[in-house]
PDB file of N, CA and C in Angstrom:
ATOM      1  N   UNK A   1     136.679 194.791 110.075  1.00  0.00           N
ATOM      2  CA  UNK A   1     137.213 195.280 111.328  1.00  0.00           C
ATOM      3  C   UNK A   1     137.275 196.799 111.258  1.00  0.00           C
ATOM      4  N   UNK A   2     136.492 197.444 112.107  1.00  0.00           N
ATOM      5  CA  UNK A   2     136.343 198.894 112.026  1.00  0.00           C
ATOM      6  C   UNK A   2     136.727 199.626 113.308  1.00  0.00           C
ATOM      7  N   UNK A   3     137.139 198.907 114.355  1.00  0.00           N
ATOM      8  CA  UNK A   3     137.377 199.526 115.660  1.00  0.00           C
ATOM      9  C   UNK A   3     138.842 199.340 116.064  1.00  0.00           C
ATOM     10  N   UNK A   4     139.566 200.464 116.172  1.00  0.00           N
ATOM     11  CA  UNK A   4     141.009 200.424 116.388  1.00  0.00           C
ATOM     12  C   UNK A   4     141.382 201.144 117.680  1.00  0.00           C
ATOM     13  N   UNK A   5     142.140 200.451 118.519  1.00  0.00           N
ATOM     14  CA  UNK A   5     142.743 201.061 119.710  1.00  0.00           C
ATOM     15  C   UNK A   5     144.194 201.349 119.372  1.00  0.00           C
ATOM     16  N   UNK A   6     144.637 202.571 119.593  1.00  0.00           N
ATOM     17  CA  UNK A   6     146.009 202.969 119.272  1.00  0.00           C
ATOM     18  C   UNK A   6     146.783 203.163 120.566  1.00  0.00           C
ATOM     19  N   UNK A   7     147.573 202.168 120.926  1.00  0.00           N
ATOM     20  CA  UNK A   7     148.350 202.217 122.156  1.00  0.00           C
ATOM     21  C   UNK A   7     149.629 203.014 121.877  1.00  0.00           C
ATOM     22  N   UNK A   8     149.760 204.127 122.604  1.00  0.00           N
ATOM     23  CA  UNK A   8     150.904 205.007 122.378  1.00  0.00           C
ATOM     24  C   UNK A   8     150.559 206.190 121.495  1.00  0.00           C
ATOM     25  N   UNK A   9     149.268 206.514 121.391  1.00  0.00           N
ATOM     26  CA  UNK A   9     148.847 207.672 120.604  1.00  0.00           C
ATOM     27  C   UNK A   9     149.540 208.927 121.127  1.00  0.00           C
ATOM     28  N   UNK A  10     149.989 209.778 120.196  1.00  0.00           N
ATOM     29  CA  UNK A  10     150.656 211.039 120.538  1.00  0.00           C
ATOM     30  C   UNK A  10     149.806 212.208 120.066  1.00  0.00           C
ATOM     31  N   UNK A  11     149.913 213.329 120.765  1.00  0.00           N
ATOM     32  CA  UNK A  11     149.217 214.544 120.342  1.00  0.00           C
ATOM     33  C   UNK A  11     150.079 215.403 119.416  1.00  0.00           C
ATOM     34  N   UNK A  12     151.219 214.882 119.002  1.00  0.00           N
ATOM     35  CA  UNK A  12     152.120 215.622 118.122  1.00  0.00           C
ATOM     36  C   UNK A  12     151.879 215.189 116.670  1.00  0.00           C
ATOM     37  N   UNK A  13     151.395 216.108 115.819  1.00  0.00           N
ATOM     38  CA  UNK A  13     151.047 215.743 114.443  1.00  0.00           C
ATOM     39  C   UNK A  13     152.174 215.127 113.618  1.00  0.00           C
ATOM     40  N   UNK A  14     153.425 215.387 113.958  1.00  0.00           N
ATOM     41  CA  UNK A  14     154.541 214.821 113.195  1.00  0.00           C
ATOM     42  C   UNK A  14     154.819 213.362 113.556  1.00  0.00           C
ATOM     43  N   UNK A  15     154.243 212.870 114.627  1.00  0.00           N
ATOM     44  CA  UNK A  15     154.474 211.483 115.055  1.00  0.00           C
ATOM     45  C   UNK A  15     153.571 210.526 114.281  1.00  0.00           C
ATOM     46  N   UNK A  16     154.117 209.371 113.977  1.00  0.00           N
ATOM     47  CA  UNK A  16     153.358 208.367 113.214  1.00  0.00           C
ATOM     48  C   UNK A  16     152.074 207.972 113.921  1.00  0.00           C
ATOM     49  N   UNK A  17     152.105 207.834 115.233  1.00  0.00           N
ATOM     50  CA  UNK A  17     150.889 207.414 115.939  1.00  0.00           C
ATOM     51  C   UNK A  17     149.755 208.418 115.751  1.00  0.00           C
ATOM     52  N   UNK A  18     150.085 209.678 115.597  1.00  0.00           N
ATOM     53  CA  UNK A  18     149.083 210.713 115.367  1.00  0.00           C
ATOM     54  C   UNK A  18     148.547 210.628 113.940  1.00  0.00           C
ATOM     55  N   UNK A  19     149.443 210.723 112.941  1.00  0.00           N
ATOM     56  CA  UNK A  19     148.930 210.811 111.585  1.00  0.00           C
ATOM     57  C   UNK A  19     148.348 209.504 111.065  1.00  0.00           C
ATOM     58  N   UNK A  20     148.832 208.365 111.545  1.00  0.00           N
ATOM     59  CA  UNK A  20     148.207 207.097 111.166  1.00  0.00           C
ATOM     60  C   UNK A  20     146.800 207.026 111.753  1.00  0.00           C
ATOM     61  N   UNK A  21     146.655 207.441 113.002  1.00  0.00           N
ATOM     62  CA  UNK A  21     145.341 207.417 113.653  1.00  0.00           C
ATOM     63  C   UNK A  21     144.350 208.343 112.961  1.00  0.00           C
ATOM     64  N   UNK A  22     144.778 209.548 112.650  1.00  0.00           N
ATOM     65  CA  UNK A  22     143.893 210.509 111.983  1.00  0.00           C
ATOM     66  C   UNK A  22     143.516 209.999 110.597  1.00  0.00           C
ATOM     67  N   UNK A  23     144.482 209.450 109.870  1.00  0.00           N
ATOM     68  CA  UNK A  23     144.190 208.887 108.547  1.00  0.00           C
ATOM     69  C   UNK A  23     143.118 207.803 108.649  1.00  0.00           C
ATOM     70  N   UNK A  24     143.292 206.859 109.591  1.00  0.00           N
ATOM     71  CA  UNK A  24     142.343 205.756 109.715  1.00  0.00           C
ATOM     72  C   UNK A  24     140.966 206.269 110.147  1.00  0.00           C
ATOM     73  N   UNK A  25     140.926 207.263 111.030  1.00  0.00           N
ATOM     74  CA  UNK A  25     139.644 207.845 111.434  1.00  0.00           C
ATOM     75  C   UNK A  25     138.962 208.498 110.235  1.00  0.00           C
ATOM     76  N   UNK A  26     139.733 209.217 109.427  1.00  0.00           N
ATOM     77  CA  UNK A  26     139.172 209.858 108.243  1.00  0.00           C
ATOM     78  C   UNK A  26     138.742 208.844 107.184  1.00  0.00           C
ATOM     79  N   UNK A  27     139.295 207.647 107.247  1.00  0.00           N
ATOM     80  CA  UNK A  27     138.908 206.579 106.317  1.00  0.00           C
ATOM     81  C   UNK A  27     137.660 205.832 106.801  1.00  0.00           C
ATOM     82  N   UNK A  28     137.100 206.252 107.934  1.00  0.00           N
ATOM     83  CA  UNK A  28     135.841 205.685 108.395  1.00  0.00           C
ATOM     84  C   UNK A  28     135.936 204.694 109.540  1.00  0.00           C
ATOM     85  N   UNK A  29     137.113 204.532 110.118  1.00  0.00           N
ATOM     86  CA  UNK A  29     137.289 203.622 111.243  1.00  0.00           C
ATOM     87  C   UNK A  29     137.009 204.361 112.554  1.00  0.00           C
ATOM     88  N   UNK A  30     136.556 203.631 113.571  1.00  0.00           N
ATOM     89  CA  UNK A  30     136.454 204.209 114.904  1.00  0.00           C
ATOM     90  C   UNK A  30     137.820 204.008 115.542  1.00  0.00           C
ATOM     91  N   UNK A  31     138.511 205.106 115.787  1.00  0.00           N
ATOM     92  CA  UNK A  31     139.874 205.064 116.318  1.00  0.00           C
ATOM     93  C   UNK A  31     139.876 205.762 117.668  1.00  0.00           C
ATOM     94  N   UNK A  32     140.386 205.061 118.670  1.00  0.00           N
ATOM     95  CA  UNK A  32     140.501 205.638 120.008  1.00  0.00           C
ATOM     96  C   UNK A  32     141.946 205.498 120.461  1.00  0.00           C
ATOM     97  N   UNK A  33     142.525 206.620 120.873  1.00  0.00           N
ATOM     98  CA  UNK A  33     143.895 206.623 121.354  1.00  0.00           C
ATOM     99  C   UNK A  33     143.984 206.128 122.788  1.00  0.00           C
ATOM    100  N   UNK A  34     145.089 205.483 123.096  1.00  0.00           N
ATOM    101  CA  UNK A  34     145.365 205.025 124.449  1.00  0.00           C
ATOM    102  C   UNK A  34     146.614 205.765 124.918  1.00  0.00           C
ATOM    103  N   UNK A  35     146.423 206.695 125.862  1.00  0.00           N
ATOM    104  CA  UNK A  35     147.539 207.462 126.412  1.00  0.00           C
ATOM    105  C   UNK A  35     147.075 208.159 127.683  1.00  0.00           C
ATOM    106  N   UNK A  36     147.534 207.692 128.845  1.00  0.00           N
ATOM    107  CA  UNK A  36     147.071 208.290 130.105  1.00  0.00           C
ATOM    108  C   UNK A  36     147.453 209.756 130.269  1.00  0.00           C
ATOM    109  N   UNK A  37     148.453 210.218 129.543  1.00  0.00           N
ATOM    110  CA  UNK A  37     148.885 211.611 129.670  1.00  0.00           C
ATOM    111  C   UNK A  37     147.996 212.577 128.887  1.00  0.00           C
ATOM    112  N   UNK A  38     147.125 212.040 128.024  1.00  0.00           N
ATOM    113  CA  UNK A  38     146.320 212.906 127.158  1.00  0.00           C
ATOM    114  C   UNK A  38     144.825 212.862 127.448  1.00  0.00           C
ATOM    115  N   UNK A  39     144.415 212.152 128.491  1.00  0.00           N
ATOM    116  CA  UNK A  39     142.973 211.957 128.690  1.00  0.00           C
ATOM    117  C   UNK A  39     142.211 213.243 128.999  1.00  0.00           C
ATOM    118  N   UNK A  40     142.872 214.278 129.472  1.00  0.00           N
ATOM    119  CA  UNK A  40     142.190 215.531 129.786  1.00  0.00           C
ATOM    120  C   UNK A  40     142.321 216.565 128.677  1.00  0.00           C
ATOM    121  N   UNK A  41     143.027 216.224 127.636  1.00  0.00           N
ATOM    122  CA  UNK A  41     143.215 217.151 126.528  1.00  0.00           C
ATOM    123  C   UNK A  41     141.988 217.086 125.618  1.00  0.00           C
ATOM    124  N   UNK A  42     141.419 218.213 125.309  1.00  0.00           N
ATOM    125  CA  UNK A  42     140.152 218.246 124.566  1.00  0.00           C
ATOM    126  C   UNK A  42     140.288 218.606 123.088  1.00  0.00           C
ATOM    127  N   UNK A  43     141.445 219.062 122.654  1.00  0.00           N
ATOM    128  CA  UNK A  43     141.585 219.542 121.279  1.00  0.00           C
ATOM    129  C   UNK A  43     142.221 218.510 120.354  1.00  0.00           C
ATOM    130  N   UNK A  44     141.957 217.238 120.613  1.00  0.00           N
ATOM    131  CA  UNK A  44     142.543 216.160 119.814  1.00  0.00           C
ATOM    132  C   UNK A  44     141.574 215.719 118.720  1.00  0.00           C
ATOM    133  N   UNK A  45     142.087 215.206 117.623  1.00  0.00           N
ATOM    134  CA  UNK A  45     141.214 214.798 116.519  1.00  0.00           C
ATOM    135  C   UNK A  45     140.486 213.470 116.761  1.00  0.00           C
ATOM    136  N   UNK A  46     140.892 212.710 117.781  1.00  0.00           N
ATOM    137  CA  UNK A  46     140.215 211.469 118.144  1.00  0.00           C
ATOM    138  C   UNK A  46     140.039 211.433 119.660  1.00  0.00           C
ATOM    139  N   UNK A  47     139.169 210.558 120.132  1.00  0.00           N
ATOM    140  CA  UNK A  47     138.999 210.369 121.572  1.00  0.00           C
ATOM    141  C   UNK A  47     140.201 209.616 122.132  1.00  0.00           C
ATOM    142  N   UNK A  48     140.511 209.891 123.390  1.00  0.00           N
ATOM    143  CA  UNK A  48     141.632 209.233 124.061  1.00  0.00           C
ATOM    144  C   UNK A  48     141.157 208.722 125.407  1.00  0.00           C
ATOM    145  N   UNK A  49     141.555 207.503 125.741  1.00  0.00           N
ATOM    146  CA  UNK A  49     141.276 206.927 127.052  1.00  0.00           C
ATOM    147  C   UNK A  49     142.599 206.562 127.712  1.00  0.00           C
ATOM    148  N   UNK A  50     142.522 206.277 129.002  1.00  0.00           N
ATOM    149  CA  UNK A  50     143.737 206.046 129.785  1.00  0.00           C
ATOM    150  C   UNK A  50     144.447 204.738 129.453  1.00  0.00           C
ATOM    151  N   UNK A  51     143.664 203.670 129.300  1.00  0.00           N
ATOM    152  CA  UNK A  51     144.267 202.360 129.070  1.00  0.00           C
ATOM    153  C   UNK A  51     143.368 201.523 128.167  1.00  0.00           C
ATOM    154  N   UNK A  52     143.900 200.422 127.697  1.00  0.00           N
ATOM    155  CA  UNK A  52     143.136 199.530 126.837  1.00  0.00           C
ATOM    156  C   UNK A  52     141.888 199.033 127.559  1.00  0.00           C
ATOM    157  N   UNK A  53     141.962 198.860 128.864  1.00  0.00           N
ATOM    158  CA  UNK A  53     140.794 198.400 129.616  1.00  0.00           C
ATOM    159  C   UNK A  53     139.688 199.456 129.659  1.00  0.00           C
ATOM    160  N   UNK A  54     140.000 200.715 129.331  1.00  0.00           N
ATOM    161  CA  UNK A  54     138.999 201.783 129.323  1.00  0.00           C
ATOM    162  C   UNK A  54     138.341 201.990 127.962  1.00  0.00           C
ATOM    163  N   UNK A  55     138.819 201.304 126.940  1.00  0.00           N
ATOM    164  CA  UNK A  55     138.238 201.481 125.609  1.00  0.00           C
ATOM    165  C   UNK A  55     136.906 200.743 125.527  1.00  0.00           C
ATOM    166  N   UNK A  56     135.882 201.448 125.034  1.00  0.00           N
ATOM    167  CA  UNK A  56     134.597 200.771 124.894  1.00  0.00           C
ATOM    168  C   UNK A  56     134.658 199.692 123.810  1.00  0.00           C
ATOM    169  N   UNK A  57     133.952 198.585 124.017  1.00  0.00           N
ATOM    170  CA  UNK A  57     133.963 197.517 123.020  1.00  0.00           C
ATOM    171  C   UNK A  57     133.155 197.932 121.787  1.00  0.00           C
ATOM    172  N   UNK A  58     133.359 197.269 120.693  1.00  0.00           N
ATOM    173  CA  UNK A  58     134.332 196.201 120.484  1.00  0.00           C
ATOM    174  C   UNK A  58     135.716 196.757 120.156  1.00  0.00           C
ATOM    175  N   UNK A  59     136.703 195.915 120.277  1.00  0.00           N
ATOM    176  CA  UNK A  59     138.067 196.251 119.855  1.00  0.00           C
ATOM    177  C   UNK A  59     138.467 195.217 118.810  1.00  0.00           C
ATOM    178  N   UNK A  60     138.642 195.668 117.598  1.00  0.00           N
ATOM    179  CA  UNK A  60     139.066 194.759 116.534  1.00  0.00           C
ATOM    180  C   UNK A  60     140.583 194.698 116.431  1.00  0.00           C
ATOM    181  N   UNK A  61     141.209 195.870 116.355  1.00  0.00           N
ATOM    182  CA  UNK A  61     142.659 195.958 116.148  1.00  0.00           C
ATOM    183  C   UNK A  61     143.284 196.753 117.282  1.00  0.00           C
ATOM    184  N   UNK A  62     144.322 196.206 117.891  1.00  0.00           N
ATOM    185  CA  UNK A  62     145.138 196.947 118.849  1.00  0.00           C
ATOM    186  C   UNK A  62     146.412 197.310 118.090  1.00  0.00           C
ATOM    187  N   UNK A  63     146.528 198.583 117.731  1.00  0.00           N
ATOM    188  CA  UNK A  63     147.642 199.093 116.940  1.00  0.00           C
ATOM    189  C   UNK A  63     148.677 199.667 117.905  1.00  0.00           C
ATOM    190  N   UNK A  64     149.870 199.096 117.923  1.00  0.00           N
ATOM    191  CA  UNK A  64     150.859 199.399 118.958  1.00  0.00           C
ATOM    192  C   UNK A  64     151.968 200.315 118.432  1.00  0.00           C
ATOM    193  N   UNK A  65     152.123 201.442 119.116  1.00  0.00           N
ATOM    194  CA  UNK A  65     153.199 202.408 118.870  1.00  0.00           C
ATOM    195  C   UNK A  65     154.023 202.568 120.158  1.00  0.00           C
ATOM    196  N   UNK A  66     154.462 201.483 120.715  1.00  0.00           N
ATOM    197  CA  UNK A  66     155.277 201.501 121.931  1.00  0.00           C
ATOM    198  C   UNK A  66     156.525 200.670 121.683  1.00  0.00           C
ATOM    199  N   UNK A  67     157.498 200.781 122.564  1.00  0.00           N
ATOM    200  CA  UNK A  67     158.735 200.017 122.421  1.00  0.00           C
ATOM    201  C   UNK A  67     158.447 198.522 122.503  1.00  0.00           C
ATOM    202  N   UNK A  68     159.289 197.754 121.834  1.00  0.00           N
ATOM    203  CA  UNK A  68     159.112 196.301 121.775  1.00  0.00           C
ATOM    204  C   UNK A  68     159.022 195.663 123.152  1.00  0.00           C
ATOM    205  N   UNK A  69     159.797 196.156 124.107  1.00  0.00           N
ATOM    206  CA  UNK A  69     159.776 195.534 125.433  1.00  0.00           C
ATOM    207  C   UNK A  69     158.443 195.739 126.163  1.00  0.00           C
ATOM    208  N   UNK A  70     157.612 196.648 125.685  1.00  0.00           N
ATOM    209  CA  UNK A  70     156.297 196.872 126.293  1.00  0.00           C
ATOM    210  C   UNK A  70     155.200 195.999 125.683  1.00  0.00           C
ATOM    211  N   UNK A  71     155.525 195.286 124.615  1.00  0.00           N
ATOM    212  CA  UNK A  71     154.523 194.512 123.886  1.00  0.00           C
ATOM    213  C   UNK A  71     153.887 193.386 124.706  1.00  0.00           C
ATOM    214  N   UNK A  72     154.624 192.634 125.538  1.00  0.00           N
ATOM    215  CA  UNK A  72     153.955 191.546 126.266  1.00  0.00           C
ATOM    216  C   UNK A  72     152.753 192.003 127.088  1.00  0.00           C
ATOM    217  N   UNK A  73     152.893 193.082 127.822  1.00  0.00           N
ATOM    218  CA  UNK A  73     151.790 193.589 128.632  1.00  0.00           C
ATOM    219  C   UNK A  73     150.616 194.027 127.747  1.00  0.00           C
ATOM    220  N   UNK A  74     150.927 194.669 126.630  1.00  0.00           N
ATOM    221  CA  UNK A  74     149.885 195.124 125.706  1.00  0.00           C
ATOM    222  C   UNK A  74     149.193 193.920 125.074  1.00  0.00           C
ATOM    223  N   UNK A  75     149.960 192.913 124.688  1.00  0.00           N
ATOM    224  CA  UNK A  75     149.382 191.708 124.087  1.00  0.00           C
ATOM    225  C   UNK A  75     148.446 191.010 125.063  1.00  0.00           C
ATOM    226  N   UNK A  76     148.853 190.916 126.317  1.00  0.00           N
ATOM    227  CA  UNK A  76     148.000 190.297 127.330  1.00  0.00           C
ATOM    228  C   UNK A  76     146.696 191.078 127.488  1.00  0.00           C
ATOM    229  N   UNK A  77     146.788 192.399 127.502  1.00  0.00           N
ATOM    230  CA  UNK A  77     145.581 193.230 127.613  1.00  0.00           C
ATOM    231  C   UNK A  77     144.690 193.063 126.388  1.00  0.00           C
ATOM    232  N   UNK A  78     145.292 192.951 125.211  1.00  0.00           N
ATOM    233  CA  UNK A  78     144.515 192.747 123.981  1.00  0.00           C
ATOM    234  C   UNK A  78     143.753 191.427 124.037  1.00  0.00           C
ATOM    235  N   UNK A  79     144.407 190.392 124.531  1.00  0.00           N
ATOM    236  CA  UNK A  79     143.751 189.085 124.677  1.00  0.00           C
ATOM    237  C   UNK A  79     142.594 189.200 125.670  1.00  0.00           C
ATOM    238  N   UNK A  80     142.841 189.824 126.824  1.00  0.00           N
ATOM    239  CA  UNK A  80     141.790 189.979 127.844  1.00  0.00           C
ATOM    240  C   UNK A  80     140.583 190.734 127.307  1.00  0.00           C
ATOM    241  N   UNK A  81     140.823 191.729 126.458  1.00  0.00           N
ATOM    242  CA  UNK A  81     139.736 192.553 125.921  1.00  0.00           C
ATOM    243  C   UNK A  81     139.045 191.927 124.717  1.00  0.00           C
ATOM    244  N   UNK A  82     139.550 190.802 124.238  1.00  0.00           N
ATOM    245  CA  UNK A  82     138.898 190.126 123.120  1.00  0.00           C
ATOM    246  C   UNK A  82     139.189 190.730 121.762  1.00  0.00           C
ATOM    247  N   UNK A  83     140.333 191.394 121.644  1.00  0.00           N
ATOM    248  CA  UNK A  83     140.725 191.952 120.342  1.00  0.00           C
ATOM    249  C   UNK A  83     140.910 190.824 119.338  1.00  0.00           C
ATOM    250  N   UNK A  84     140.818 191.185 118.073  1.00  0.00           N
ATOM    251  CA  UNK A  84     141.000 190.204 117.010  1.00  0.00           C
ATOM    252  C   UNK A  84     142.406 190.250 116.410  1.00  0.00           C
ATOM    253  N   UNK A  85     143.021 191.448 116.439  1.00  0.00           N
ATOM    254  CA  UNK A  85     144.326 191.645 115.803  1.00  0.00           C
ATOM    255  C   UNK A  85     145.240 192.426 116.736  1.00  0.00           C
ATOM    256  N   UNK A  86     146.476 191.966 116.835  1.00  0.00           N
ATOM    257  CA  UNK A  86     147.541 192.719 117.499  1.00  0.00           C
ATOM    258  C   UNK A  86     148.461 193.197 116.385  1.00  0.00           C
ATOM    259  N   UNK A  87     148.485 194.502 116.159  1.00  0.00           N
ATOM    260  CA  UNK A  87     149.258 195.083 115.052  1.00  0.00           C
ATOM    261  C   UNK A  87     150.433 195.855 115.640  1.00  0.00           C
ATOM    262  N   UNK A  88     151.642 195.387 115.347  1.00  0.00           N
ATOM    263  CA  UNK A  88     152.854 196.046 115.817  1.00  0.00           C
ATOM    264  C   UNK A  88     153.426 196.862 114.666  1.00  0.00           C
ATOM    265  N   UNK A  89     153.478 198.161 114.851  1.00  0.00           N
ATOM    266  CA  UNK A  89     153.931 199.067 113.796  1.00  0.00           C
ATOM    267  C   UNK A  89     155.393 198.806 113.410  1.00  0.00           C
ATOM    268  N   UNK A  90     155.843 199.481 112.388  1.00  0.00           N
ATOM    269  CA  UNK A  90     157.199 199.299 111.870  1.00  0.00           C
ATOM    270  C   UNK A  90     158.229 199.445 112.984  1.00  0.00           C
ATOM    271  N   UNK A  91     159.171 198.498 113.012  1.00  0.00           N
ATOM    272  CA  UNK A  91     160.245 198.525 113.985  1.00  0.00           C
ATOM    273  C   UNK A  91     159.906 197.863 115.308  1.00  0.00           C
ATOM    274  N   UNK A  92     158.688 197.369 115.460  1.00  0.00           N
ATOM    275  CA  UNK A  92     158.266 196.766 116.726  1.00  0.00           C
ATOM    276  C   UNK A  92     158.157 195.253 116.546  1.00  0.00           C
ATOM    277  N   UNK A  93     158.869 194.514 117.397  1.00  0.00           N
ATOM    278  CA  UNK A  93     158.898 193.052 117.352  1.00  0.00           C
ATOM    279  C   UNK A  93     158.898 192.513 118.778  1.00  0.00           C
ATOM    280  N   UNK A  94     158.259 191.409 118.979  1.00  0.00           N
ATOM    281  CA  UNK A  94     158.393 190.674 120.237  1.00  0.00           C
ATOM    282  C   UNK A  94     157.893 189.255 119.982  1.00  0.00           C
ATOM    283  N   UNK A  95     158.805 188.340 119.597  1.00  0.00           N
ATOM    284  CA  UNK A  95     158.388 186.987 119.211  1.00  0.00           C
ATOM    285  C   UNK A  95     157.581 186.246 120.269  1.00  0.00           C
ATOM    286  N   UNK A  96     157.965 186.365 121.526  1.00  0.00           N
ATOM    287  CA  UNK A  96     157.245 185.636 122.578  1.00  0.00           C
ATOM    288  C   UNK A  96     155.830 186.177 122.751  1.00  0.00           C
ATOM    289  N   UNK A  97     155.687 187.487 122.779  1.00  0.00           N
ATOM    290  CA  UNK A  97     154.357 188.088 122.919  1.00  0.00           C
ATOM    291  C   UNK A  97     153.497 187.783 121.697  1.00  0.00           C
ATOM    292  N   UNK A  98     154.113 187.804 120.521  1.00  0.00           N
ATOM    293  CA  UNK A  98     153.373 187.470 119.304  1.00  0.00           C
ATOM    294  C   UNK A  98     152.879 186.029 119.353  1.00  0.00           C
ATOM    295  N   UNK A  99     153.726 185.115 119.808  1.00  0.00           N
ATOM    296  CA  UNK A  99     153.342 183.706 119.911  1.00  0.00           C
ATOM    297  C   UNK A  99     152.208 183.530 120.910  1.00  0.00           C
ATOM    298  N   UNK A 100     152.280 184.222 122.038  1.00  0.00           N
ATOM    299  CA  UNK A 100     151.224 184.142 123.046  1.00  0.00           C
ATOM    300  C   UNK A 100     149.899 184.650 122.471  1.00  0.00           C
ATOM    301  N   UNK A 101     149.946 185.781 121.770  1.00  0.00           N
ATOM    302  CA  UNK A 101     148.727 186.340 121.193  1.00  0.00           C
ATOM    303  C   UNK A 101     148.139 185.405 120.132  1.00  0.00           C
ATOM    304  N   UNK A 102     148.999 184.840 119.294  1.00  0.00           N
ATOM    305  CA  UNK A 102     148.517 183.880 118.285  1.00  0.00           C
ATOM    306  C   UNK A 102     147.882 182.660 118.947  1.00  0.00           C
ATOM    307  N   UNK A 103     148.521 182.156 119.998  1.00  0.00           N
ATOM    308  CA  UNK A 103     147.988 180.990 120.710  1.00  0.00           C
ATOM    309  C   UNK A 103     146.622 181.298 121.317  1.00  0.00           C
ATOM    310  N   UNK A 104     146.366 182.560 121.631  1.00  0.00           N
ATOM    311  CA  UNK A 104     145.077 182.972 122.177  1.00  0.00           C
ATOM    312  C   UNK A 104     144.059 183.281 121.082  1.00  0.00           C
ATOM    313  N   UNK A 105     144.467 183.123 119.809  1.00  0.00           N
ATOM    314  CA  UNK A 105     143.537 183.299 118.704  1.00  0.00           C
ATOM    315  C   UNK A 105     143.604 184.623 117.968  1.00  0.00           C
ATOM    316  N   UNK A 106     144.545 185.495 118.344  1.00  0.00           N
ATOM    317  CA  UNK A 106     144.657 186.772 117.648  1.00  0.00           C
ATOM    318  C   UNK A 106     145.486 186.624 116.376  1.00  0.00           C
ATOM    319  N   UNK A 107     145.167 187.422 115.403  1.00  0.00           N
ATOM    320  CA  UNK A 107     146.031 187.597 114.244  1.00  0.00           C
ATOM    321  C   UNK A 107     147.106 188.576 114.693  1.00  0.00           C
ATOM    322  N   UNK A 108     148.360 188.297 114.375  1.00  0.00           N
ATOM    323  CA  UNK A 108     149.452 189.181 114.776  1.00  0.00           C
ATOM    324  C   UNK A 108     150.172 189.660 113.523  1.00  0.00           C
ATOM    325  N   UNK A 109     150.320 190.972 113.421  1.00  0.00           N
ATOM    326  CA  UNK A 109     151.068 191.600 112.341  1.00  0.00           C
ATOM    327  C   UNK A 109     152.220 192.334 112.998  1.00  0.00           C
ATOM    328  N   UNK A 110     153.435 192.037 112.567  1.00  0.00           N
ATOM    329  CA  UNK A 110     154.610 192.675 113.157  1.00  0.00           C
ATOM    330  C   UNK A 110     155.359 193.497 112.115  1.00  0.00           C
ATOM    331  N   UNK A 111     155.933 194.619 112.595  1.00  0.00           N
ATOM    332  CA  UNK A 111     156.829 195.430 111.776  1.00  0.00           C
ATOM    333  C   UNK A 111     156.178 195.900 110.474  1.00  0.00           C
ATOM    334  N   UNK A 112     154.919 196.296 110.550  1.00  0.00           N
ATOM    335  CA  UNK A 112     154.201 196.791 109.363  1.00  0.00           C
ATOM    336  C   UNK A 112     153.389 198.015 109.740  1.00  0.00           C
ATOM    337  N   UNK A 113     153.254 198.925 108.807  1.00  0.00           N
ATOM    338  CA  UNK A 113     152.504 200.159 109.036  1.00  0.00           C
ATOM    339  C   UNK A 113     151.058 199.983 108.573  1.00  0.00           C
ATOM    340  N   UNK A 114     150.120 200.230 109.461  1.00  0.00           N
ATOM    341  CA  UNK A 114     148.701 200.100 109.145  1.00  0.00           C
ATOM    342  C   UNK A 114     148.295 201.062 108.028  1.00  0.00           C
ATOM    343  N   UNK A 115     148.788 202.287 108.058  1.00  0.00           N
ATOM    344  CA  UNK A 115     148.467 203.266 107.019  1.00  0.00           C
ATOM    345  C   UNK A 115     148.969 202.787 105.658  1.00  0.00           C
ATOM    346  N   UNK A 116     150.197 202.331 105.592  1.00  0.00           N
ATOM    347  CA  UNK A 116     150.751 201.854 104.321  1.00  0.00           C
ATOM    348  C   UNK A 116     149.975 200.653 103.798  1.00  0.00           C
ATOM    349  N   UNK A 117     149.622 199.739 104.690  1.00  0.00           N
ATOM    350  CA  UNK A 117     148.863 198.557 104.269  1.00  0.00           C
ATOM    351  C   UNK A 117     147.470 198.949 103.798  1.00  0.00           C
ATOM    352  N   UNK A 118     146.845 199.901 104.474  1.00  0.00           N
ATOM    353  CA  UNK A 118     145.509 200.342 104.090  1.00  0.00           C
ATOM    354  C   UNK A 118     145.534 201.035 102.732  1.00  0.00           C
ATOM    355  N   UNK A 119     146.498 201.940 102.527  1.00  0.00           N
ATOM    356  CA  UNK A 119     146.552 202.642 101.240  1.00  0.00           C
ATOM    357  C   UNK A 119     146.873 201.682 100.100  1.00  0.00           C
ATOM    358  N   UNK A 120     147.728 200.693 100.342  1.00  0.00           N
ATOM    359  CA  UNK A 120     148.029 199.695  99.306  1.00  0.00           C
ATOM    360  C   UNK A 120     146.793 198.873  98.985  1.00  0.00           C
ATOM    361  N   UNK A 121     146.031 198.513  99.993  1.00  0.00           N
ATOM    362  CA  UNK A 121     144.788 197.758  99.786  1.00  0.00           C
ATOM    363  C   UNK A 121     143.772 198.571  99.006  1.00  0.00           C
ATOM    364  N   UNK A 122     143.639 199.845  99.356  1.00  0.00           N
ATOM    365  CA  UNK A 122     142.715 200.731  98.633  1.00  0.00           C
ATOM    366  C   UNK A 122     143.131 200.875  97.174  1.00  0.00           C
ATOM    367  N   UNK A 123     144.433 201.006  96.948  1.00  0.00           N
ATOM    368  CA  UNK A 123     144.952 201.144  95.576  1.00  0.00           C
ATOM    369  C   UNK A 123     144.640 199.887  94.757  1.00  0.00           C
ATOM    370  N   UNK A 124     144.876 198.711  95.360  1.00  0.00           N
ATOM    371  CA  UNK A 124     144.577 197.444  94.670  1.00  0.00           C
ATOM    372  C   UNK A 124     143.087 197.342  94.346  1.00  0.00           C
ATOM    373  N   UNK A 125     142.255 197.767  95.276  1.00  0.00           N
ATOM    374  CA  UNK A 125     140.804 197.687  95.055  1.00  0.00           C
ATOM    375  C   UNK A 125     140.361 198.609  93.908  1.00  0.00           C
ATOM    376  N   UNK A 126     140.985 199.779  93.796  1.00  0.00           N
ATOM    377  CA  UNK A 126     140.651 200.710  92.722  1.00  0.00           C
ATOM    378  C   UNK A 126     141.123 200.207  91.366  1.00  0.00           C
ATOM    379  N   UNK A 127     142.260 199.499  91.369  1.00  0.00           N
ATOM    380  CA  UNK A 127     142.801 198.974  90.121  1.00  0.00           C
ATOM    381  C   UNK A 127     142.013 197.770  89.618  1.00  0.00           C
ATOM    382  N   UNK A 128     141.279 197.170  90.562  1.00  0.00           N
ATOM    383  CA  UNK A 128     140.407 196.042  90.226  1.00  0.00           C
ATOM    384  C   UNK A 128     141.150 194.816  89.955  1.00  0.00           C
TER     385      UNK A 128
END
């Protein structure tokens, strides 16, 4: 899985959505931010589109950096777009939306950081 949509991408380098996205892009993933407020900004380290429906296919992972109450709408959009994984970053939970996404065939990861999981996986691979 190499194609990541980041819902809630921020242009502020101190925010997790920014540095996780940049890290994953630098690790070789195609990362596209989803933020309607940033679509006209040109000095960003990744491309940004207005909504999940504007992201070019394929979409493997929908990485969510939004409040838990916004997850149902995002999960529905992920299902419509044919995503494979709904990834809810640390502190984000929504049992009903997670159940709906799983029932539609998505893998759901809740309350976990993609960057931390990726670096741990890379470390394990190096240790053999």
